[in-house]
Amino acid sequence: MKSLNHLVSFISGLIFAIGLGLSGMTLPSKVIGFLDLFGEWDPALMWVMGGAATTYMIVFRLVQGKSRPILASRFAVPTRKDITPRLLLGAVFFGAGWGIAGFCPGPAITSIAAGHQGVLVFGAAMVTGMYLFKWLDPILARAATPAPREAPPSATATPAAELASK
């Protein structure tokens, strides 16, 4: 079963990579052209997103009502619905990197295989960012956790008893 999961994952990734390549989404100029609303706007990314959304809607309708996926014991559905500062900051960094470089992780990995210039710098920055996050996240989480408060003196303790215990 695990081998079948790996095979399906590989085929899904391959189809995704081929779709990115055929649609031109491995070319940063396409993404930057889409974001250039007041210049030479390129709607290609809009059509790719529309195709992806349509495919999702069809597959979602087919899957809706099933008790579990074919190759798993349960659906992996996110349970968190809150919008946190951490989520917003991550979205800002992702969007800024996407807008500046014209790459997000999927097309960048596909472009590495295609040998596009400049993607190696993006890939190195992406991997560095992942390791930096892995290193910094626990430190920032500890810093954000409030320190435990001292327990208030018990109601039965007298000032003399408190001084003796110190």
C-alpha atoms as a PDB file:
ATOM      1  CA  MET A   1       0.000   0.000   0.000  1.00  0.00           C
ATOM      2  CA  LYS A   2       2.862   2.394   0.838  1.00  0.00           C
ATOM      3  CA  SER A   3       4.462   1.794  -2.573  1.00  0.00           C
ATOM      4  CA  LEU A   4       1.143   2.564  -4.270  1.00  0.00           C
ATOM      5  CA  ASN A   5       0.887   5.822  -2.278  1.00  0.00           C
ATOM      6  CA  HIS A   6       4.391   6.793  -3.418  1.00  0.00           C
ATOM      7  CA  LEU A   7       3.571   5.925  -7.029  1.00  0.00           C
ATOM      8  CA  VAL A   8       0.357   7.974  -6.983  1.00  0.00           C
ATOM      9  CA  SER A   9       2.215  10.882  -5.354  1.00  0.00           C
ATOM     10  CA  PHE A  10       4.931  10.709  -7.999  1.00  0.00           C
ATOM     11  CA  ILE A  11       2.411  10.590 -10.865  1.00  0.00           C
ATOM     12  CA  SER A  12       0.459  13.500  -9.365  1.00  0.00           C
ATOM     13  CA  GLY A  13       3.648  15.558  -9.048  1.00  0.00           C
ATOM     14  CA  LEU A  14       4.656  14.665 -12.596  1.00  0.00           C
ATOM     15  CA  ILE A  15       1.262  15.755 -13.967  1.00  0.00           C
ATOM     16  CA  PHE A  16       1.557  18.992 -11.961  1.00  0.00           C
ATOM     17  CA  ALA A  17       5.069  19.650 -13.317  1.00  0.00           C
ATOM     18  CA  ILE A  18       4.006  18.946 -16.899  1.00  0.00           C
ATOM     19  CA  GLY A  19       1.024  21.274 -16.480  1.00  0.00           C
ATOM     20  CA  LEU A  20       3.282  24.018 -15.111  1.00  0.00           C
ATOM     21  CA  GLY A  21       5.666  23.586 -18.022  1.00  0.00           C
ATOM     22  CA  LEU A  22       2.968  23.516 -20.720  1.00  0.00           C
ATOM     23  CA  SER A  23       1.210  26.570 -19.276  1.00  0.00           C
ATOM     24  CA  GLY A  24       4.447  28.561 -19.071  1.00  0.00           C
ATOM     25  CA  MET A  25       4.202  28.967 -15.297  1.00  0.00           C
ATOM     26  CA  THR A  26       7.857  27.968 -14.936  1.00  0.00           C
ATOM     27  CA  LEU A  27       8.733  31.280 -16.584  1.00  0.00           C
ATOM     28  CA  PRO A  28       8.917  34.121 -14.053  1.00  0.00           C
ATOM     29  CA  SER A  29       7.975  36.567 -16.810  1.00  0.00           C
ATOM     30  CA  LYS A  30       4.484  34.979 -16.964  1.00  0.00           C
ATOM     31  CA  VAL A  31       3.855  35.466 -13.250  1.00  0.00           C
ATOM     32  CA  ILE A  32       5.335  38.966 -13.159  1.00  0.00           C
ATOM     33  CA  GLY A  33       3.340  39.798 -16.310  1.00  0.00           C
ATOM     34  CA  PHE A  34       0.155  38.726 -14.516  1.00  0.00           C
ATOM     35  CA  LEU A  35       0.999  40.952 -11.547  1.00  0.00           C
ATOM     36  CA  ASP A  36       1.786  43.931 -13.814  1.00  0.00           C
ATOM     37  CA  LEU A  37      -1.763  45.313 -13.857  1.00  0.00           C
ATOM     38  CA  PHE A  38      -0.794  48.743 -15.189  1.00  0.00           C
ATOM     39  CA  GLY A  39       1.805  47.627 -17.731  1.00  0.00           C
ATOM     40  CA  GLU A  40       1.836  44.710 -20.128  1.00  0.00           C
ATOM     41  CA  TRP A  41      -0.655  42.544 -18.257  1.00  0.00           C
ATOM     42  CA  ASP A  42      -0.565  38.815 -19.168  1.00  0.00           C
ATOM     43  CA  PRO A  43      -3.777  36.912 -18.231  1.00  0.00           C
ATOM     44  CA  ALA A  44      -2.188  33.443 -18.674  1.00  0.00           C
ATOM     45  CA  LEU A  45      -1.940  32.799 -14.918  1.00  0.00           C
ATOM     46  CA  MET A  46      -5.635  33.635 -14.519  1.00  0.00           C
ATOM     47  CA  TRP A  47      -6.525  30.877 -17.008  1.00  0.00           C
ATOM     48  CA  VAL A  48      -4.233  28.387 -15.245  1.00  0.00           C
ATOM     49  CA  MET A  49      -5.812  29.215 -11.866  1.00  0.00           C
ATOM     50  CA  GLY A  50      -9.285  28.956 -13.408  1.00  0.00           C
ATOM     51  CA  GLY A  51      -8.446  25.526 -14.819  1.00  0.00           C
ATOM     52  CA  ALA A  52      -7.132  24.382 -11.445  1.00  0.00           C
ATOM     53  CA  ALA A  53     -10.215  25.694  -9.628  1.00  0.00           C
ATOM     54  CA  THR A  54     -12.539  23.995 -12.128  1.00  0.00           C
ATOM     55  CA  THR A  55     -10.699  20.690 -11.759  1.00  0.00           C
ATOM     56  CA  TYR A  56     -10.897  20.999  -7.964  1.00  0.00           C
ATOM     57  CA  MET A  57     -14.644  21.710  -8.056  1.00  0.00           C
ATOM     58  CA  ILE A  58     -15.279  18.621 -10.198  1.00  0.00           C
ATOM     59  CA  VAL A  59     -13.120  16.316  -8.073  1.00  0.00           C
ATOM     60  CA  PHE A  60     -14.545  17.766  -4.839  1.00  0.00           C
ATOM     61  CA  ARG A  61     -18.070  16.896  -6.021  1.00  0.00           C
ATOM     62  CA  LEU A  62     -16.953  13.336  -6.831  1.00  0.00           C
ATOM     63  CA  VAL A  63     -15.259  12.891  -3.443  1.00  0.00           C
ATOM     64  CA  GLN A  64     -17.862  14.647  -1.290  1.00  0.00           C
ATOM     65  CA  GLY A  65     -19.889  11.925   0.462  1.00  0.00           C
ATOM     66  CA  LYS A  66     -17.122   9.322   0.456  1.00  0.00           C
ATOM     67  CA  SER A  67     -16.244   8.092   3.931  1.00  0.00           C
ATOM     68  CA  ARG A  68     -12.500   7.970   3.210  1.00  0.00           C
ATOM     69  CA  PRO A  69      -9.985   8.354   0.374  1.00  0.00           C
ATOM     70  CA  ILE A  70      -9.071   5.316  -1.718  1.00  0.00           C
ATOM     71  CA  LEU A  71      -5.461   5.136  -0.487  1.00  0.00           C
ATOM     72  CA  ALA A  72      -5.811   6.416   3.083  1.00  0.00           C
ATOM     73  CA  SER A  73      -7.767   5.617   6.225  1.00  0.00           C
ATOM     74  CA  ARG A  74      -9.160   9.152   6.534  1.00  0.00           C
ATOM     75  CA  PHE A  75      -9.227  12.548   4.834  1.00  0.00           C
ATOM     76  CA  ALA A  76      -6.528  14.961   5.970  1.00  0.00           C
ATOM     77  CA  VAL A  77      -8.568  18.117   6.491  1.00  0.00           C
ATOM     78  CA  PRO A  78      -7.100  21.098   8.336  1.00  0.00           C
ATOM     79  CA  THR A  79      -8.937  21.838  11.559  1.00  0.00           C
ATOM     80  CA  ARG A  80      -7.567  25.301  12.350  1.00  0.00           C
ATOM     81  CA  LYS A  81      -9.569  28.190  10.984  1.00  0.00           C
ATOM     82  CA  ASP A  82      -8.027  31.103  12.890  1.00  0.00           C
ATOM     83  CA  ILE A  83      -6.040  33.856  11.211  1.00  0.00           C
ATOM     84  CA  THR A  84      -2.921  34.529  13.247  1.00  0.00           C
ATOM     85  CA  PRO A  85      -0.160  37.125  12.900  1.00  0.00           C
ATOM     86  CA  ARG A  86       2.180  34.246  12.068  1.00  0.00           C
ATOM     87  CA  LEU A  87      -0.088  33.146   9.195  1.00  0.00           C
ATOM     88  CA  LEU A  88      -0.351  36.705   7.865  1.00  0.00           C
ATOM     89  CA  LEU A  89       3.414  37.250   8.074  1.00  0.00           C
ATOM     90  CA  GLY A  90       4.032  33.987   6.222  1.00  0.00           C
ATOM     91  CA  ALA A  91       1.552  35.018   3.520  1.00  0.00           C
ATOM     92  CA  VAL A  92       3.295  38.384   3.146  1.00  0.00           C
ATOM     93  CA  PHE A  93       6.710  36.734   2.758  1.00  0.00           C
ATOM     94  CA  PHE A  94       5.348  34.161   0.311  1.00  0.00           C
ATOM     95  CA  GLY A  95       3.562  36.810  -1.757  1.00  0.00           C
ATOM     96  CA  ALA A  96       6.530  39.165  -1.766  1.00  0.00           C
ATOM     97  CA  GLY A  97       8.897  36.410  -2.869  1.00  0.00           C
ATOM     98  CA  TRP A  98       6.446  35.282  -5.535  1.00  0.00           C
ATOM     99  CA  GLY A  99       5.995  38.814  -6.850  1.00  0.00           C
ATOM    100  CA  ILE A 100       9.694  39.698  -6.809  1.00  0.00           C
ATOM    101  CA  ALA A 101      11.096  36.451  -8.218  1.00  0.00           C
ATOM    102  CA  GLY A 102       8.101  35.193 -10.202  1.00  0.00           C
ATOM    103  CA  PHE A 103       8.423  31.761  -8.597  1.00  0.00           C
ATOM    104  CA  CYS A 104       6.638  29.822  -5.907  1.00  0.00           C
ATOM    105  CA  PRO A 105       7.997  26.449  -4.732  1.00  0.00           C
ATOM    106  CA  GLY A 106       6.303  24.146  -7.284  1.00  0.00           C
ATOM    107  CA  PRO A 107       7.327  26.044 -10.423  1.00  0.00           C
ATOM    108  CA  ALA A 108      10.788  26.707  -8.949  1.00  0.00           C
ATOM    109  CA  ILE A 109      11.479  22.997  -8.490  1.00  0.00           C
ATOM    110  CA  THR A 110      10.144  22.297 -11.980  1.00  0.00           C
ATOM    111  CA  SER A 111      12.332  25.105 -13.383  1.00  0.00           C
ATOM    112  CA  ILE A 112      15.428  23.669 -11.735  1.00  0.00           C
ATOM    113  CA  ALA A 113      14.869  20.550 -13.830  1.00  0.00           C
ATOM    114  CA  ALA A 114      14.342  22.704 -16.932  1.00  0.00           C
ATOM    115  CA  GLY A 115      17.590  24.588 -16.290  1.00  0.00           C
ATOM    116  CA  HIS A 116      16.189  28.133 -16.212  1.00  0.00           C
ATOM    117  CA  GLN A 117      18.664  30.853 -15.238  1.00  0.00           C
ATOM    118  CA  GLY A 118      18.188  32.471 -11.840  1.00  0.00           C
ATOM    119  CA  VAL A 119      16.128  29.670 -10.349  1.00  0.00           C
ATOM    120  CA  LEU A 120      19.140  28.249  -8.530  1.00  0.00           C
ATOM    121  CA  VAL A 121      19.458  31.468  -6.511  1.00  0.00           C
ATOM    122  CA  PHE A 122      15.740  31.342  -5.733  1.00  0.00           C
ATOM    123  CA  GLY A 123      16.011  27.653  -4.791  1.00  0.00           C
ATOM    124  CA  ALA A 124      18.952  28.351  -2.488  1.00  0.00           C
ATOM    125  CA  ALA A 125      17.073  31.240  -0.860  1.00  0.00           C
ATOM    126  CA  MET A 126      13.974  29.056  -0.462  1.00  0.00           C
ATOM    127  CA  VAL A 127      15.915  26.232   1.214  1.00  0.00           C
ATOM    128  CA  THR A 128      17.770  28.749   3.412  1.00  0.00           C
ATOM    129  CA  GLY A 129      14.430  30.267   4.438  1.00  0.00           C
ATOM    130  CA  MET A 130      13.054  26.827   5.339  1.00  0.00           C
ATOM    131  CA  TYR A 131      16.046  26.014   7.535  1.00  0.00           C
ATOM    132  CA  LEU A 132      15.986  29.499   9.083  1.00  0.00           C
ATOM    133  CA  PHE A 133      12.310  29.004   9.945  1.00  0.00           C
ATOM    134  CA  LYS A 134      12.993  25.544  11.393  1.00  0.00           C
ATOM    135  CA  TRP A 135      15.703  27.067  13.607  1.00  0.00           C
ATOM    136  CA  LEU A 136      13.888  30.289  14.572  1.00  0.00           C
ATOM    137  CA  ASP A 137      10.333  29.014  15.073  1.00  0.00           C
ATOM    138  CA  PRO A 138      10.967  27.172  18.386  1.00  0.00           C
ATOM    139  CA  ILE A 139      12.945  30.155  19.701  1.00  0.00           C
ATOM    140  CA  LEU A 140      10.175  32.612  18.842  1.00  0.00           C
ATOM    141  CA  ALA A 141       7.512  30.262  20.232  1.00  0.00           C
ATOM    142  CA  ARG A 142       9.358  30.077  23.564  1.00  0.00           C
ATOM    143  CA  ALA A 143       9.766  33.865  23.638  1.00  0.00           C
ATOM    144  CA  ALA A 144       6.037  34.348  22.995  1.00  0.00           C
ATOM    145  CA  THR A 145       5.027  31.972  25.801  1.00  0.00           C
ATOM    146  CA  PRO A 146       4.457  33.917  29.021  1.00  0.00           C
ATOM    147  CA  ALA A 147       6.631  32.933  31.982  1.00  0.00           C
ATOM    148  CA  PRO A 148       4.827  31.025  34.735  1.00  0.00           C
ATOM    149  CA  ARG A 149       3.693  33.206  37.614  1.00  0.00           C
ATOM    150  CA  GLU A 150       4.663  32.568  41.184  1.00  0.00           C
ATOM    151  CA  ALA A 151       1.918  30.934  43.169  1.00  0.00           C
ATOM    152  CA  PRO A 152       0.248  33.323  45.590  1.00  0.00           C
ATOM    153  CA  PRO A 153       0.961  32.652  49.254  1.00  0.00           C
ATOM    154  CA  SER A 154      -1.493  30.245  50.754  1.00  0.00           C
ATOM    155  CA  ALA A 155      -4.336  31.696  52.758  1.00  0.00           C
ATOM    156  CA  THR A 156      -3.269  29.721  55.843  1.00  0.00           C
ATOM    157  CA  ALA A 157       0.372  30.848  55.838  1.00  0.00           C
ATOM    158  CA  THR A 158       1.345  33.563  58.240  1.00  0.00           C
ATOM    159  CA  PRO A 159       4.059  36.118  57.533  1.00  0.00           C
ATOM    160  CA  ALA A 160       6.360  34.361  60.023  1.00  0.00           C
ATOM    161  CA  ALA A 161       5.810  31.007  58.272  1.00  0.00           C
ATOM    162  CA  GLU A 162       6.555  32.610  54.894  1.00  0.00           C
ATOM    163  CA  LEU A 163       9.828  34.077  56.177  1.00  0.00           C
ATOM    164  CA  ALA A 164      10.871  30.726  57.641  1.00  0.00           C
ATOM    165  CA  SER A 165      10.304  28.984  54.327  1.00  0.00           C
ATOM    166  CA  LYS A 166      12.615  31.419  52.467  1.00  0.00           C
END
